[in-house]
């Protein structure tokens, strides 16, 4: 038996997705995760409704939409918006470039420190197969 409350809760979840589509985000750029429906109880432990919780992952390229989407979700009844985070599709490239930049900056800093102290930069000895072991 499906409760009218459960139908309403599920309808609200579907409407949220429709509103996001209306904001210009394509269906392919939405992913629902952790969709749960659970009953709420009155003081006599009888079901008096249902709550729906879900995580919605959106791919947004227009950052001006983010605050509008959050405001619209709150207007439409969302009462717990959390875990908003940002990433990039090119995370591997960005990470690689950051590492290269960090190493370059580290070398520059080491060179400046060596020059300021009058020391020469330490050079790694080259391996040789002619070394004698006593």
N, C-alpha and C. Protein backbone atom coordinates (compact mmCIF):
# COMPACT_ATOMS: atom_id res chain seq x y z
N UNK A 1 0.85 -1.19 0.00
CA UNK A 1 0.00 0.00 0.00
C UNK A 1 0.89 1.25 0.00
N UNK A 2 0.70 2.11 -0.99
CA UNK A 2 1.49 3.33 -1.07
C UNK A 2 0.71 4.47 -0.44
N UNK A 3 1.34 5.12 0.50
CA UNK A 3 0.70 6.23 1.21
C UNK A 3 0.65 7.46 0.33
N UNK A 4 -0.35 8.30 0.53
CA UNK A 4 -0.42 9.56 -0.21
C UNK A 4 0.78 10.45 0.14
N UNK A 5 1.31 10.30 1.37
CA UNK A 5 2.48 11.08 1.77
C UNK A 5 3.72 10.65 0.98
N UNK A 6 3.83 9.34 0.78
CA UNK A 6 4.96 8.81 0.03
C UNK A 6 4.90 9.29 -1.41
N UNK A 7 3.71 9.26 -2.01
CA UNK A 7 3.55 9.75 -3.37
C UNK A 7 3.94 11.22 -3.47
N UNK A 8 3.55 12.00 -2.49
CA UNK A 8 3.87 13.42 -2.47
C UNK A 8 5.37 13.64 -2.35
N UNK A 9 6.02 12.88 -1.47
CA UNK A 9 7.46 13.01 -1.27
C UNK A 9 8.22 12.66 -2.56
N UNK A 10 7.80 11.58 -3.21
CA UNK A 10 8.45 11.19 -4.46
C UNK A 10 8.19 12.22 -5.56
N UNK A 11 7.01 12.78 -5.60
CA UNK A 11 6.68 13.81 -6.58
C UNK A 11 7.56 15.04 -6.37
N UNK A 12 7.78 15.42 -5.13
CA UNK A 12 8.64 16.57 -4.83
C UNK A 12 10.07 16.34 -5.32
N UNK A 13 10.57 15.14 -5.14
CA UNK A 13 11.92 14.82 -5.61
C UNK A 13 11.99 14.94 -7.13
N UNK A 14 10.96 14.46 -7.81
CA UNK A 14 10.94 14.55 -9.28
C UNK A 14 10.81 16.00 -9.74
N UNK A 15 10.02 16.79 -9.03
CA UNK A 15 9.85 18.19 -9.39
C UNK A 15 11.17 18.95 -9.27
N UNK A 16 11.96 18.61 -8.24
CA UNK A 16 13.25 19.27 -8.06
C UNK A 16 14.11 19.07 -9.30
N UNK A 17 14.12 17.85 -9.82
CA UNK A 17 14.89 17.55 -11.02
C UNK A 17 14.34 18.34 -12.21
N UNK A 18 13.03 18.44 -12.31
CA UNK A 18 12.42 19.20 -13.40
C UNK A 18 12.79 20.68 -13.32
N UNK A 19 12.82 21.22 -12.12
CA UNK A 19 13.18 22.63 -11.94
C UNK A 19 14.63 22.87 -12.34
N UNK A 20 15.49 21.92 -12.04
CA UNK A 20 16.90 22.04 -12.42
C UNK A 20 17.02 22.01 -13.94
N UNK A 21 16.25 21.14 -14.59
CA UNK A 21 16.24 21.11 -16.07
C UNK A 21 15.77 22.46 -16.62
N UNK A 22 14.77 23.03 -15.98
CA UNK A 22 14.26 24.32 -16.43
C UNK A 22 15.31 25.41 -16.28
N UNK A 23 16.26 25.24 -15.37
CA UNK A 23 17.32 26.23 -15.17
C UNK A 23 18.39 26.12 -16.24
N UNK A 24 18.27 25.13 -17.11
CA UNK A 24 19.21 25.02 -18.22
C UNK A 24 20.26 23.93 -18.07
N UNK A 25 20.10 23.07 -17.08
CA UNK A 25 21.05 21.97 -16.89
C UNK A 25 20.46 20.72 -17.54
N UNK A 26 21.23 20.12 -18.42
CA UNK A 26 20.76 18.95 -19.16
C UNK A 26 20.63 17.74 -18.25
N UNK A 27 19.71 16.86 -18.59
CA UNK A 27 19.49 15.63 -17.81
C UNK A 27 20.78 14.82 -17.70
N UNK A 28 21.59 14.82 -18.76
CA UNK A 28 22.84 14.04 -18.74
C UNK A 28 23.86 14.61 -17.76
N UNK A 29 23.67 15.86 -17.32
CA UNK A 29 24.58 16.50 -16.37
C UNK A 29 24.08 16.39 -14.93
N UNK A 30 23.09 15.53 -14.70
CA UNK A 30 22.55 15.30 -13.36
C UNK A 30 22.72 13.85 -12.98
N UNK A 31 23.08 13.63 -11.73
CA UNK A 31 23.22 12.26 -11.25
C UNK A 31 22.68 12.21 -9.82
N UNK A 32 21.67 11.36 -9.60
CA UNK A 32 21.11 11.19 -8.27
C UNK A 32 21.86 10.09 -7.56
N UNK A 33 22.22 10.37 -6.31
CA UNK A 33 22.94 9.39 -5.50
C UNK A 33 22.25 9.30 -4.14
N UNK A 34 22.35 8.15 -3.51
CA UNK A 34 21.86 7.97 -2.14
C UNK A 34 20.40 8.39 -1.97
N UNK A 35 19.53 7.94 -2.83
CA UNK A 35 18.12 8.27 -2.74
C UNK A 35 17.48 7.41 -1.66
N UNK A 36 16.94 8.05 -0.62
CA UNK A 36 16.31 7.29 0.46
C UNK A 36 14.95 7.88 0.79
N UNK A 37 14.03 7.01 1.11
CA UNK A 37 12.69 7.40 1.57
C UNK A 37 12.50 6.72 2.92
N UNK A 38 12.13 7.52 3.90
CA UNK A 38 11.93 6.91 5.21
C UNK A 38 10.72 7.54 5.89
N UNK A 39 10.02 6.74 6.71
CA UNK A 39 8.80 7.23 7.35
C UNK A 39 9.11 8.18 8.51
N UNK A 40 8.17 9.08 8.75
CA UNK A 40 8.22 9.91 9.96
C UNK A 40 7.05 9.46 10.84
N UNK A 41 7.23 9.59 12.14
CA UNK A 41 6.25 9.05 13.08
C UNK A 41 5.68 10.14 13.98
N UNK A 42 4.46 9.93 14.43
CA UNK A 42 3.87 10.84 15.42
C UNK A 42 4.25 10.35 16.82
N UNK A 43 3.72 10.99 17.84
CA UNK A 43 4.10 10.62 19.21
C UNK A 43 3.61 9.22 19.61
N UNK A 44 2.66 8.67 18.87
CA UNK A 44 2.15 7.31 19.14
C UNK A 44 2.85 6.26 18.28
N UNK A 45 3.95 6.65 17.66
CA UNK A 45 4.72 5.76 16.80
C UNK A 45 3.95 5.26 15.59
N UNK A 46 3.01 6.07 15.11
CA UNK A 46 2.30 5.75 13.88
C UNK A 46 2.87 6.62 12.77
N UNK A 47 2.98 6.04 11.59
CA UNK A 47 3.53 6.79 10.45
C UNK A 47 2.59 7.95 10.13
N UNK A 48 3.17 9.15 10.11
CA UNK A 48 2.37 10.31 9.76
C UNK A 48 2.88 11.02 8.50
N UNK A 49 3.85 10.40 7.86
CA UNK A 49 4.37 10.98 6.62
C UNK A 49 5.67 10.31 6.23
N UNK A 50 6.28 10.84 5.21
CA UNK A 50 7.55 10.31 4.73
C UNK A 50 8.49 11.46 4.42
N UNK A 51 9.75 11.20 4.60
CA UNK A 51 10.78 12.16 4.21
C UNK A 51 11.62 11.54 3.10
N UNK A 52 12.05 12.38 2.20
CA UNK A 52 12.89 11.93 1.11
C UNK A 52 14.21 12.66 1.22
N UNK A 53 15.27 11.92 1.03
CA UNK A 53 16.61 12.50 1.06
C UNK A 53 17.36 11.96 -0.15
N UNK A 54 18.05 12.84 -0.83
CA UNK A 54 18.89 12.38 -1.92
C UNK A 54 20.02 13.36 -2.16
N UNK A 55 21.08 12.83 -2.73
CA UNK A 55 22.21 13.65 -3.13
C UNK A 55 22.11 13.82 -4.63
N UNK A 56 22.25 15.03 -5.08
CA UNK A 56 22.16 15.31 -6.50
C UNK A 56 23.47 15.94 -6.95
N UNK A 57 24.13 15.28 -7.88
CA UNK A 57 25.38 15.78 -8.42
C UNK A 57 25.07 16.47 -9.75
N UNK A 58 25.48 17.72 -9.86
CA UNK A 58 25.22 18.50 -11.06
C UNK A 58 26.53 18.92 -11.71
N UNK A 59 26.54 18.87 -13.02
CA UNK A 59 27.67 19.40 -13.77
C UNK A 59 27.24 20.77 -14.29
N UNK A 60 27.88 21.80 -13.77
CA UNK A 60 27.52 23.17 -14.11
C UNK A 60 28.74 23.88 -14.66
N UNK A 61 28.60 24.46 -15.83
CA UNK A 61 29.71 25.21 -16.41
C UNK A 61 29.51 26.71 -16.28
N UNK A 62 28.28 27.12 -16.00
CA UNK A 62 27.97 28.54 -15.78
C UNK A 62 27.84 28.77 -14.28
N UNK A 63 28.90 29.29 -13.67
CA UNK A 63 28.91 29.44 -12.21
C UNK A 63 27.88 30.43 -11.69
N UNK A 64 27.33 31.27 -12.56
CA UNK A 64 26.29 32.21 -12.10
C UNK A 64 25.01 31.46 -11.76
N UNK A 65 24.87 30.23 -12.25
CA UNK A 65 23.68 29.43 -11.96
C UNK A 65 23.68 28.83 -10.56
N UNK A 66 24.86 28.66 -9.97
CA UNK A 66 24.96 27.93 -8.70
C UNK A 66 24.13 28.58 -7.60
N UNK A 67 24.32 29.87 -7.37
CA UNK A 67 23.56 30.52 -6.29
C UNK A 67 22.07 30.54 -6.61
N UNK A 68 21.72 30.66 -7.90
CA UNK A 68 20.31 30.65 -8.28
C UNK A 68 19.69 29.28 -8.02
N UNK A 69 20.42 28.22 -8.32
CA UNK A 69 19.91 26.87 -8.08
C UNK A 69 19.71 26.61 -6.59
N UNK A 70 20.66 27.03 -5.78
CA UNK A 70 20.53 26.83 -4.33
C UNK A 70 19.35 27.62 -3.79
N UNK A 71 19.21 28.88 -4.22
CA UNK A 71 18.08 29.71 -3.77
C UNK A 71 16.76 29.09 -4.20
N UNK A 72 16.68 28.60 -5.43
CA UNK A 72 15.45 28.00 -5.94
C UNK A 72 15.12 26.72 -5.17
N UNK A 73 16.13 25.91 -4.88
CA UNK A 73 15.90 24.68 -4.11
C UNK A 73 15.33 25.01 -2.73
N UNK A 74 15.87 26.05 -2.10
CA UNK A 74 15.37 26.45 -0.78
C UNK A 74 13.94 26.99 -0.87
N UNK A 75 13.66 27.75 -1.90
CA UNK A 75 12.30 28.26 -2.12
C UNK A 75 11.31 27.12 -2.28
N UNK A 76 11.75 26.07 -2.93
CA UNK A 76 10.87 24.94 -3.23
C UNK A 76 10.84 23.88 -2.13
N UNK A 77 11.44 24.18 -0.97
CA UNK A 77 11.30 23.30 0.18
C UNK A 77 12.52 22.54 0.62
N UNK A 78 13.63 22.66 -0.06
CA UNK A 78 14.83 21.98 0.42
C UNK A 78 15.24 22.62 1.73
N UNK A 79 15.45 21.82 2.75
CA UNK A 79 15.80 22.38 4.05
C UNK A 79 17.16 21.90 4.55
N UNK A 80 17.88 21.18 3.72
CA UNK A 80 19.22 20.74 4.09
C UNK A 80 20.07 20.66 2.83
N UNK A 81 20.78 21.72 2.56
CA UNK A 81 21.68 21.76 1.41
C UNK A 81 23.09 21.76 1.96
N UNK A 82 23.83 20.71 1.67
CA UNK A 82 25.17 20.61 2.24
C UNK A 82 26.09 19.90 1.26
N UNK A 83 27.36 19.96 1.56
CA UNK A 83 28.33 19.24 0.76
C UNK A 83 28.57 19.82 -0.62
N UNK A 84 28.31 21.12 -0.79
CA UNK A 84 28.56 21.73 -2.09
C UNK A 84 30.07 21.78 -2.29
N UNK A 85 30.55 21.24 -3.39
CA UNK A 85 31.98 21.28 -3.67
C UNK A 85 32.20 21.45 -5.17
N UNK A 86 33.38 21.90 -5.49
CA UNK A 86 33.71 22.20 -6.87
C UNK A 86 34.91 21.38 -7.31
N UNK A 87 34.93 21.03 -8.56
CA UNK A 87 36.05 20.31 -9.14
C UNK A 87 36.16 20.71 -10.60
N UNK A 88 37.10 20.15 -11.26
CA UNK A 88 37.29 20.44 -12.67
C UNK A 88 37.39 19.14 -13.45
N UNK A 89 36.99 19.20 -14.71
CA UNK A 89 37.11 18.01 -15.56
C UNK A 89 38.56 17.69 -15.86
N UNK A 90 39.41 18.69 -15.74
CA UNK A 90 40.82 18.53 -16.08
C UNK A 90 41.69 18.44 -14.83
N UNK A 91 41.20 17.72 -13.82
CA UNK A 91 41.90 17.64 -12.54
C UNK A 91 43.31 17.08 -12.68
N UNK A 92 43.50 16.07 -13.51
CA UNK A 92 44.83 15.47 -13.67
C UNK A 92 45.81 16.46 -14.28
N UNK A 93 45.37 17.21 -15.26
CA UNK A 93 46.24 18.22 -15.89
C UNK A 93 46.58 19.33 -14.91
N UNK A 94 45.58 19.78 -14.19
CA UNK A 94 45.80 20.84 -13.20
C UNK A 94 46.78 20.37 -12.14
N UNK A 95 46.59 19.15 -11.63
CA UNK A 95 47.48 18.60 -10.60
C UNK A 95 48.91 18.50 -11.12
N UNK A 96 49.07 17.99 -12.33
CA UNK A 96 50.39 17.85 -12.93
C UNK A 96 51.08 19.21 -13.07
N UNK A 97 50.34 20.20 -13.53
CA UNK A 97 50.90 21.55 -13.67
C UNK A 97 51.27 22.15 -12.32
N UNK A 98 50.46 21.90 -11.31
CA UNK A 98 50.77 22.41 -9.97
C UNK A 98 52.05 21.78 -9.42
N UNK A 99 52.22 20.48 -9.65
CA UNK A 99 53.43 19.79 -9.19
C UNK A 99 54.65 20.37 -9.89
N UNK A 100 54.56 20.54 -11.22
CA UNK A 100 55.68 21.12 -11.97
C UNK A 100 56.03 22.51 -11.46
N UNK A 101 55.01 23.32 -11.21
CA UNK A 101 55.24 24.67 -10.72
C UNK A 101 55.86 24.64 -9.33
N UNK A 102 55.39 23.75 -8.47
CA UNK A 102 55.93 23.65 -7.11
C UNK A 102 57.40 23.23 -7.14
N UNK A 103 57.75 22.29 -7.99
CA UNK A 103 59.14 21.84 -8.09
C UNK A 103 60.02 22.97 -8.63
N UNK A 104 59.54 23.67 -9.65
CA UNK A 104 60.30 24.79 -10.20
C UNK A 104 60.52 25.86 -9.12
N UNK A 105 59.45 26.20 -8.39
CA UNK A 105 59.58 27.21 -7.33
C UNK A 105 60.52 26.74 -6.23
N UNK A 106 60.47 25.46 -5.90
CA UNK A 106 61.38 24.91 -4.89
C UNK A 106 62.83 25.02 -5.32
N UNK A 107 63.10 24.73 -6.59
CA UNK A 107 64.47 24.86 -7.11
C UNK A 107 64.93 26.32 -7.06
N UNK A 108 64.05 27.23 -7.43
CA UNK A 108 64.39 28.66 -7.41
C UNK A 108 64.70 29.11 -5.98
N UNK A 109 63.90 28.66 -5.04
CA UNK A 109 64.10 29.02 -3.63
C UNK A 109 65.42 28.44 -3.12
N UNK A 110 65.71 27.19 -3.47
CA UNK A 110 66.97 26.56 -3.06
C UNK A 110 68.16 27.30 -3.66
N UNK A 111 68.07 27.70 -4.91
CA UNK A 111 69.14 28.45 -5.56
C UNK A 111 69.37 29.79 -4.87
N UNK A 112 68.28 30.50 -4.57
CA UNK A 112 68.41 31.79 -3.89
C UNK A 112 69.02 31.63 -2.50
N UNK A 113 68.62 30.60 -1.78
CA UNK A 113 69.17 30.35 -0.44
C UNK A 113 70.66 30.01 -0.54
N UNK A 114 71.03 29.21 -1.52
CA UNK A 114 72.44 28.83 -1.71
C UNK A 114 73.28 30.07 -2.03
N UNK A 115 72.78 30.92 -2.90
CA UNK A 115 73.51 32.13 -3.26
C UNK A 115 73.63 33.07 -2.08
N UNK A 116 72.59 33.20 -1.29
CA UNK A 116 72.60 34.11 -0.13
C UNK A 116 73.58 33.64 0.94
N UNK A 117 73.79 32.35 1.05
CA UNK A 117 74.70 31.83 2.07
C UNK A 117 76.11 31.60 1.53
N UNK A 118 76.28 31.84 0.24
CA UNK A 118 77.59 31.64 -0.36
C UNK A 118 77.91 30.19 -0.66
N UNK A 119 76.95 29.34 -0.56
CA UNK A 119 77.15 27.93 -0.85
C UNK A 119 76.78 27.63 -2.29
N UNK A 120 77.38 26.60 -2.80
CA UNK A 120 76.99 26.16 -4.13
C UNK A 120 75.85 25.16 -4.00
N UNK A 121 75.08 25.12 -5.03
CA UNK A 121 74.01 24.13 -5.03
C UNK A 121 74.60 22.75 -4.98
N UNK A 122 74.00 21.90 -4.21
CA UNK A 122 74.44 20.52 -4.10
C UNK A 122 74.09 19.80 -5.38
N UNK A 123 75.05 19.07 -5.90
CA UNK A 123 74.80 18.30 -7.10
C UNK A 123 74.82 16.82 -6.74
N UNK A 124 73.88 16.13 -7.27
CA UNK A 124 73.77 14.71 -7.01
C UNK A 124 74.91 13.99 -7.71
N UNK A 125 75.62 13.12 -6.98
CA UNK A 125 76.71 12.38 -7.62
C UNK A 125 76.14 11.43 -8.67
N UNK A 126 76.88 11.28 -9.73
CA UNK A 126 76.45 10.37 -10.78
C UNK A 126 76.88 8.96 -10.41
N UNK A 127 76.02 8.02 -10.62
CA UNK A 127 76.40 6.65 -10.30
C UNK A 127 77.48 6.14 -11.27
N UNK A 128 78.34 5.37 -10.75
CA UNK A 128 79.42 4.83 -11.57
C UNK A 128 79.60 3.36 -11.26
N UNK A 129 79.87 2.61 -12.27
CA UNK A 129 80.08 1.18 -12.02
C UNK A 129 81.56 0.88 -11.83
N UNK A 130 82.41 1.93 -11.77
CA UNK A 130 83.85 1.72 -11.61
C UNK A 130 84.29 1.88 -10.15
N UNK A 131 83.34 2.14 -9.26
CA UNK A 131 83.72 2.32 -7.85
C UNK A 131 84.20 1.01 -7.28
N UNK A 132 85.21 1.10 -6.43
CA UNK A 132 85.73 -0.09 -5.77
C UNK A 132 85.15 -0.19 -4.38
N UNK A 133 84.79 -1.36 -4.04
CA UNK A 133 84.31 -1.60 -2.68
C UNK A 133 85.41 -2.34 -1.95
N UNK A 134 85.94 -1.75 -0.85
CA UNK A 134 87.03 -2.41 -0.13
C UNK A 134 86.59 -3.70 0.56
